Amino acid sequence: MTNEITFEDFLKVDIRIGTIIEVNDFPKAKKPAYQLTIDFGSLGIKKSSAQITDLYTKKELLNKQVSVIVNFKSRQIANFISECLVLGVYNTDGNVVLLQASKNIKNGEQVS
């Protein structure tokens, strides 16, 4: 069992829907990854590094909506600053499957 959190703890995590508008290879990353640029509507544009190269091509990711923690502390990965955390789940093969809405959502909408 994982550690329990309170509802107040959950409220601290700002999960939003964004659309990937740019995808680049990230050759300097230790593990294969992409550099993503994500549009959050009125919240602006943020960048993220994501180790999702096993299941997704750059073409598949372009214009895909994803769930993202936008108030995650920025982190430097090689020569890149990742400003948010794209959410996913490891499948049985150890590859990340992205979490996304089942219908199109306005960029920047908060997950609750």
N, C-alpha and C. Protein backbone atom coordinates (compact mmCIF):
# COMPACT_ATOMS: atom_id res chain seq x y z
N MET A 1 0.85 -1.19 0.00
CA MET A 1 0.00 0.00 0.00
C MET A 1 0.89 1.24 0.00
N THR A 2 0.46 2.25 -0.72
CA THR A 2 1.22 3.49 -0.77
C THR A 2 0.82 4.38 0.40
N ASN A 3 1.61 5.42 0.61
CA ASN A 3 1.30 6.36 1.68
C ASN A 3 0.03 7.12 1.36
N GLU A 4 -0.85 7.25 2.33
CA GLU A 4 -2.08 8.01 2.15
C GLU A 4 -1.78 9.49 2.19
N ILE A 5 -2.56 10.25 1.42
CA ILE A 5 -2.48 11.71 1.46
C ILE A 5 -3.87 12.25 1.79
N THR A 6 -3.89 13.49 2.18
CA THR A 6 -5.17 14.15 2.47
C THR A 6 -5.70 14.79 1.19
N PHE A 7 -6.95 15.20 1.23
CA PHE A 7 -7.53 15.92 0.10
C PHE A 7 -6.77 17.22 -0.14
N GLU A 8 -6.34 17.85 0.93
CA GLU A 8 -5.57 19.09 0.81
C GLU A 8 -4.26 18.83 0.08
N ASP A 9 -3.62 17.67 0.32
CA ASP A 9 -2.40 17.30 -0.41
C ASP A 9 -2.70 17.19 -1.90
N PHE A 10 -3.81 16.53 -2.24
CA PHE A 10 -4.20 16.36 -3.63
C PHE A 10 -4.41 17.71 -4.31
N LEU A 11 -5.01 18.65 -3.61
CA LEU A 11 -5.30 19.96 -4.18
C LEU A 11 -4.03 20.72 -4.54
N LYS A 12 -2.91 20.36 -3.95
CA LYS A 12 -1.63 21.02 -4.26
C LYS A 12 -1.11 20.63 -5.64
N VAL A 13 -1.56 19.49 -6.17
CA VAL A 13 -1.11 19.01 -7.47
C VAL A 13 -2.00 19.59 -8.56
N ASP A 14 -1.42 20.40 -9.44
CA ASP A 14 -2.18 21.06 -10.50
C ASP A 14 -2.02 20.28 -11.80
N ILE A 15 -3.01 19.44 -12.10
CA ILE A 15 -2.99 18.61 -13.31
C ILE A 15 -3.86 19.29 -14.36
N ARG A 16 -3.28 19.53 -15.52
CA ARG A 16 -3.99 20.21 -16.60
C ARG A 16 -3.91 19.41 -17.90
N ILE A 17 -4.81 19.73 -18.81
CA ILE A 17 -4.80 19.15 -20.14
C ILE A 17 -4.07 20.13 -21.06
N GLY A 18 -3.16 19.58 -21.86
CA GLY A 18 -2.44 20.39 -22.84
C GLY A 18 -2.27 19.63 -24.13
N THR A 19 -1.97 20.36 -25.19
CA THR A 19 -1.76 19.77 -26.50
C THR A 19 -0.29 19.89 -26.89
N ILE A 20 0.29 18.78 -27.31
CA ILE A 20 1.68 18.78 -27.74
C ILE A 20 1.75 19.48 -29.10
N ILE A 21 2.54 20.56 -29.17
CA ILE A 21 2.63 21.33 -30.41
C ILE A 21 4.00 21.19 -31.09
N GLU A 22 4.95 20.58 -30.39
CA GLU A 22 6.27 20.35 -30.99
C GLU A 22 6.91 19.16 -30.31
N VAL A 23 7.57 18.31 -31.10
CA VAL A 23 8.26 17.13 -30.59
C VAL A 23 9.63 17.06 -31.24
N ASN A 24 10.67 16.96 -30.39
CA ASN A 24 12.04 16.86 -30.90
C ASN A 24 12.74 15.68 -30.24
N ASP A 25 13.68 15.09 -30.96
CA ASP A 25 14.54 14.07 -30.37
C ASP A 25 15.36 14.71 -29.27
N PHE A 26 15.80 13.90 -28.31
CA PHE A 26 16.60 14.40 -27.18
C PHE A 26 17.84 13.50 -27.05
N PRO A 27 18.79 13.68 -27.96
CA PRO A 27 19.96 12.80 -27.99
C PRO A 27 20.85 12.87 -26.75
N LYS A 28 20.81 13.96 -25.99
CA LYS A 28 21.66 14.10 -24.80
C LYS A 28 21.07 13.46 -23.55
N ALA A 29 19.83 12.99 -23.63
CA ALA A 29 19.20 12.32 -22.48
C ALA A 29 19.88 10.98 -22.24
N LYS A 30 19.98 10.57 -20.97
CA LYS A 30 20.59 9.28 -20.63
C LYS A 30 19.79 8.11 -21.19
N LYS A 31 18.46 8.20 -21.10
CA LYS A 31 17.56 7.19 -21.67
C LYS A 31 16.83 7.83 -22.83
N PRO A 32 16.45 7.05 -23.86
CA PRO A 32 15.75 7.63 -25.01
C PRO A 32 14.53 8.45 -24.58
N ALA A 33 14.44 9.67 -25.11
CA ALA A 33 13.36 10.58 -24.72
C ALA A 33 13.10 11.58 -25.84
N TYR A 34 11.96 12.24 -25.71
CA TYR A 34 11.61 13.36 -26.58
C TYR A 34 11.59 14.64 -25.75
N GLN A 35 11.81 15.75 -26.43
CA GLN A 35 11.57 17.07 -25.86
C GLN A 35 10.21 17.52 -26.40
N LEU A 36 9.27 17.77 -25.50
CA LEU A 36 7.93 18.16 -25.89
C LEU A 36 7.67 19.63 -25.58
N THR A 37 6.97 20.30 -26.46
CA THR A 37 6.46 21.64 -26.20
C THR A 37 4.94 21.50 -26.15
N ILE A 38 4.35 21.96 -25.03
CA ILE A 38 2.93 21.70 -24.78
C ILE A 38 2.19 23.02 -24.58
N ASP A 39 1.06 23.16 -25.26
CA ASP A 39 0.22 24.37 -25.18
C ASP A 39 -0.87 24.16 -24.13
N PHE A 40 -0.88 25.07 -23.13
CA PHE A 40 -1.90 25.01 -22.08
C PHE A 40 -2.86 26.19 -22.17
N GLY A 41 -3.11 26.66 -23.38
CA GLY A 41 -4.07 27.75 -23.58
C GLY A 41 -3.65 29.00 -22.84
N SER A 42 -4.54 29.53 -22.00
CA SER A 42 -4.27 30.78 -21.28
C SER A 42 -3.12 30.66 -20.28
N LEU A 43 -2.74 29.43 -19.92
CA LEU A 43 -1.60 29.22 -19.01
C LEU A 43 -0.27 29.32 -19.73
N GLY A 44 -0.30 29.32 -21.06
CA GLY A 44 0.92 29.46 -21.84
C GLY A 44 1.50 28.13 -22.32
N ILE A 45 2.76 28.20 -22.70
CA ILE A 45 3.48 27.07 -23.28
C ILE A 45 4.51 26.59 -22.26
N LYS A 46 4.64 25.27 -22.12
CA LYS A 46 5.66 24.68 -21.24
C LYS A 46 6.37 23.56 -21.99
N LYS A 47 7.58 23.27 -21.53
CA LYS A 47 8.38 22.21 -22.14
C LYS A 47 8.54 21.06 -21.15
N SER A 48 8.65 19.85 -21.70
CA SER A 48 8.83 18.67 -20.87
C SER A 48 9.66 17.64 -21.61
N SER A 49 10.42 16.87 -20.86
CA SER A 49 11.13 15.72 -21.41
C SER A 49 10.31 14.48 -21.04
N ALA A 50 10.17 13.56 -22.00
CA ALA A 50 9.36 12.38 -21.74
C ALA A 50 10.01 11.14 -22.37
N GLN A 51 10.15 10.10 -21.56
CA GLN A 51 10.72 8.83 -22.03
C GLN A 51 9.60 7.96 -22.60
N ILE A 52 9.13 8.35 -23.76
CA ILE A 52 7.98 7.68 -24.39
C ILE A 52 8.29 7.24 -25.82
N THR A 53 9.57 7.10 -26.13
CA THR A 53 9.97 6.78 -27.51
C THR A 53 9.64 5.36 -27.93
N ASP A 54 9.43 4.45 -26.98
CA ASP A 54 9.14 3.06 -27.32
C ASP A 54 7.75 2.88 -27.93
N LEU A 55 6.77 3.65 -27.45
CA LEU A 55 5.39 3.45 -27.90
C LEU A 55 4.86 4.55 -28.81
N TYR A 56 5.56 5.69 -28.89
CA TYR A 56 5.04 6.82 -29.64
C TYR A 56 6.08 7.39 -30.60
N THR A 57 5.63 7.68 -31.82
CA THR A 57 6.48 8.38 -32.77
C THR A 57 6.25 9.88 -32.62
N LYS A 58 7.16 10.66 -33.14
CA LYS A 58 6.99 12.11 -33.10
C LYS A 58 5.71 12.52 -33.82
N LYS A 59 5.43 11.87 -34.92
CA LYS A 59 4.22 12.20 -35.69
C LYS A 59 2.96 11.89 -34.89
N GLU A 60 2.94 10.76 -34.17
CA GLU A 60 1.77 10.39 -33.36
C GLU A 60 1.54 11.38 -32.22
N LEU A 61 2.62 11.91 -31.67
CA LEU A 61 2.52 12.81 -30.52
C LEU A 61 2.07 14.22 -30.89
N LEU A 62 2.40 14.66 -32.08
CA LEU A 62 2.06 16.01 -32.49
C LEU A 62 0.54 16.19 -32.48
N ASN A 63 0.08 17.21 -31.78
CA ASN A 63 -1.34 17.56 -31.61
C ASN A 63 -2.11 16.62 -30.70
N LYS A 64 -1.42 15.74 -29.97
CA LYS A 64 -2.06 14.85 -29.00
C LYS A 64 -2.27 15.61 -27.69
N GLN A 65 -3.44 15.44 -27.10
CA GLN A 65 -3.69 16.02 -25.79
C GLN A 65 -3.19 15.06 -24.71
N VAL A 66 -2.57 15.64 -23.67
CA VAL A 66 -2.02 14.84 -22.59
C VAL A 66 -2.36 15.47 -21.25
N SER A 67 -2.27 14.66 -20.19
CA SER A 67 -2.46 15.13 -18.82
C SER A 67 -1.09 15.44 -18.25
N VAL A 68 -0.96 16.60 -17.59
CA VAL A 68 0.34 17.08 -17.18
C VAL A 68 0.26 17.77 -15.81
N ILE A 69 1.23 17.50 -14.95
CA ILE A 69 1.36 18.28 -13.71
C ILE A 69 2.12 19.54 -14.08
N VAL A 70 1.45 20.68 -13.97
CA VAL A 70 2.06 21.95 -14.40
C VAL A 70 2.77 22.69 -13.28
N ASN A 71 2.53 22.30 -12.03
CA ASN A 71 3.20 22.99 -10.93
C ASN A 71 4.32 22.13 -10.34
N PHE A 72 4.84 21.22 -11.12
CA PHE A 72 5.98 20.40 -10.73
C PHE A 72 7.23 21.27 -10.84
N LYS A 73 8.13 21.18 -9.89
CA LYS A 73 9.35 21.98 -9.91
C LYS A 73 10.16 21.68 -11.17
N SER A 74 10.63 22.72 -11.86
CA SER A 74 11.44 22.54 -13.06
C SER A 74 12.68 21.73 -12.73
N ARG A 75 13.11 20.95 -13.73
CA ARG A 75 14.25 20.05 -13.52
C ARG A 75 15.13 20.07 -14.75
N GLN A 76 16.43 20.21 -14.53
CA GLN A 76 17.36 20.19 -15.66
C GLN A 76 17.72 18.75 -15.98
N ILE A 77 17.54 18.39 -17.25
CA ILE A 77 17.89 17.07 -17.75
C ILE A 77 18.86 17.31 -18.90
N ALA A 78 20.13 16.98 -18.69
CA ALA A 78 21.19 17.29 -19.65
C ALA A 78 21.17 18.80 -19.91
N ASN A 79 21.00 19.20 -21.17
CA ASN A 79 21.01 20.63 -21.52
C ASN A 79 19.60 21.20 -21.67
N PHE A 80 18.60 20.57 -21.06
CA PHE A 80 17.19 20.92 -21.26
C PHE A 80 16.52 21.13 -19.91
N ILE A 81 15.67 22.15 -19.82
CA ILE A 81 14.88 22.39 -18.60
C ILE A 81 13.47 21.85 -18.83
N SER A 82 13.09 20.85 -18.04
CA SER A 82 11.74 20.28 -18.10
C SER A 82 10.90 21.03 -17.08
N GLU A 83 9.84 21.70 -17.57
CA GLU A 83 9.04 22.60 -16.74
C GLU A 83 7.77 21.97 -16.18
N CYS A 84 7.44 20.78 -16.62
CA CYS A 84 6.22 20.12 -16.18
C CYS A 84 6.40 18.62 -16.33
N LEU A 85 5.47 17.84 -15.79
CA LEU A 85 5.57 16.38 -15.80
C LEU A 85 4.38 15.78 -16.54
N VAL A 86 4.66 15.17 -17.69
CA VAL A 86 3.63 14.49 -18.46
C VAL A 86 3.31 13.17 -17.76
N LEU A 87 2.02 12.88 -17.57
CA LEU A 87 1.61 11.70 -16.81
C LEU A 87 1.42 10.47 -17.70
N GLY A 88 1.86 9.36 -17.17
CA GLY A 88 1.71 8.10 -17.86
C GLY A 88 1.80 6.95 -16.88
N VAL A 89 1.57 5.74 -17.40
CA VAL A 89 1.60 4.53 -16.60
C VAL A 89 2.50 3.53 -17.31
N TYR A 90 3.35 2.83 -16.54
CA TYR A 90 4.17 1.78 -17.13
C TYR A 90 3.32 0.57 -17.44
N ASN A 91 3.43 0.06 -18.68
CA ASN A 91 2.71 -1.17 -19.03
C ASN A 91 3.56 -2.38 -18.61
N THR A 92 3.10 -3.58 -18.93
CA THR A 92 3.79 -4.80 -18.50
C THR A 92 5.17 -4.95 -19.15
N ASP A 93 5.41 -4.24 -20.26
CA ASP A 93 6.72 -4.28 -20.91
C ASP A 93 7.67 -3.20 -20.38
N GLY A 94 7.19 -2.39 -19.44
CA GLY A 94 8.02 -1.33 -18.88
C GLY A 94 8.04 -0.06 -19.70
N ASN A 95 7.10 0.07 -20.64
CA ASN A 95 7.00 1.28 -21.47
C ASN A 95 5.90 2.18 -20.93
N VAL A 96 6.09 3.49 -21.10
CA VAL A 96 5.13 4.46 -20.59
C VAL A 96 3.97 4.64 -21.56
N VAL A 97 2.74 4.48 -21.06
CA VAL A 97 1.52 4.74 -21.79
C VAL A 97 0.97 6.06 -21.26
N LEU A 98 0.76 7.02 -22.14
CA LEU A 98 0.29 8.35 -21.72
C LEU A 98 -1.13 8.32 -21.21
N LEU A 99 -1.39 9.14 -20.18
CA LEU A 99 -2.75 9.34 -19.68
C LEU A 99 -3.34 10.51 -20.45
N GLN A 100 -4.54 10.33 -20.97
CA GLN A 100 -5.18 11.40 -21.72
C GLN A 100 -6.69 11.31 -21.58
N ALA A 101 -7.34 12.41 -21.89
CA ALA A 101 -8.79 12.48 -21.82
C ALA A 101 -9.40 11.67 -22.96
N SER A 102 -10.57 11.11 -22.74
CA SER A 102 -11.24 10.32 -23.77
C SER A 102 -11.93 11.20 -24.82
N LYS A 103 -12.12 12.46 -24.52
CA LYS A 103 -12.71 13.42 -25.45
C LYS A 103 -11.80 14.65 -25.50
N ASN A 104 -11.93 15.45 -26.55
CA ASN A 104 -11.14 16.67 -26.67
C ASN A 104 -11.53 17.66 -25.57
N ILE A 105 -10.55 18.26 -24.95
CA ILE A 105 -10.75 19.21 -23.85
C ILE A 105 -10.03 20.51 -24.20
N LYS A 106 -10.55 21.62 -23.74
CA LYS A 106 -9.89 22.91 -23.94
C LYS A 106 -8.54 22.89 -23.23
N ASN A 107 -7.49 23.33 -23.94
CA ASN A 107 -6.16 23.39 -23.35
C ASN A 107 -6.17 24.23 -22.08
N GLY A 108 -5.50 23.70 -21.05
CA GLY A 108 -5.39 24.41 -19.79
C GLY A 108 -6.45 24.03 -18.76
N GLU A 109 -7.45 23.24 -19.17
CA GLU A 109 -8.48 22.83 -18.22
C GLU A 109 -7.87 21.97 -17.13
N GLN A 110 -8.35 22.16 -15.91
CA GLN A 110 -7.80 21.46 -14.75
C GLN A 110 -8.50 20.11 -14.55
N VAL A 111 -7.68 19.11 -14.25
CA VAL A 111 -8.21 17.78 -13.92
C VAL A 111 -8.64 17.81 -12.46
N SER A 112 -9.83 17.31 -12.19
CA SER A 112 -10.31 17.31 -10.79
C SER A 112 -10.88 15.96 -10.42
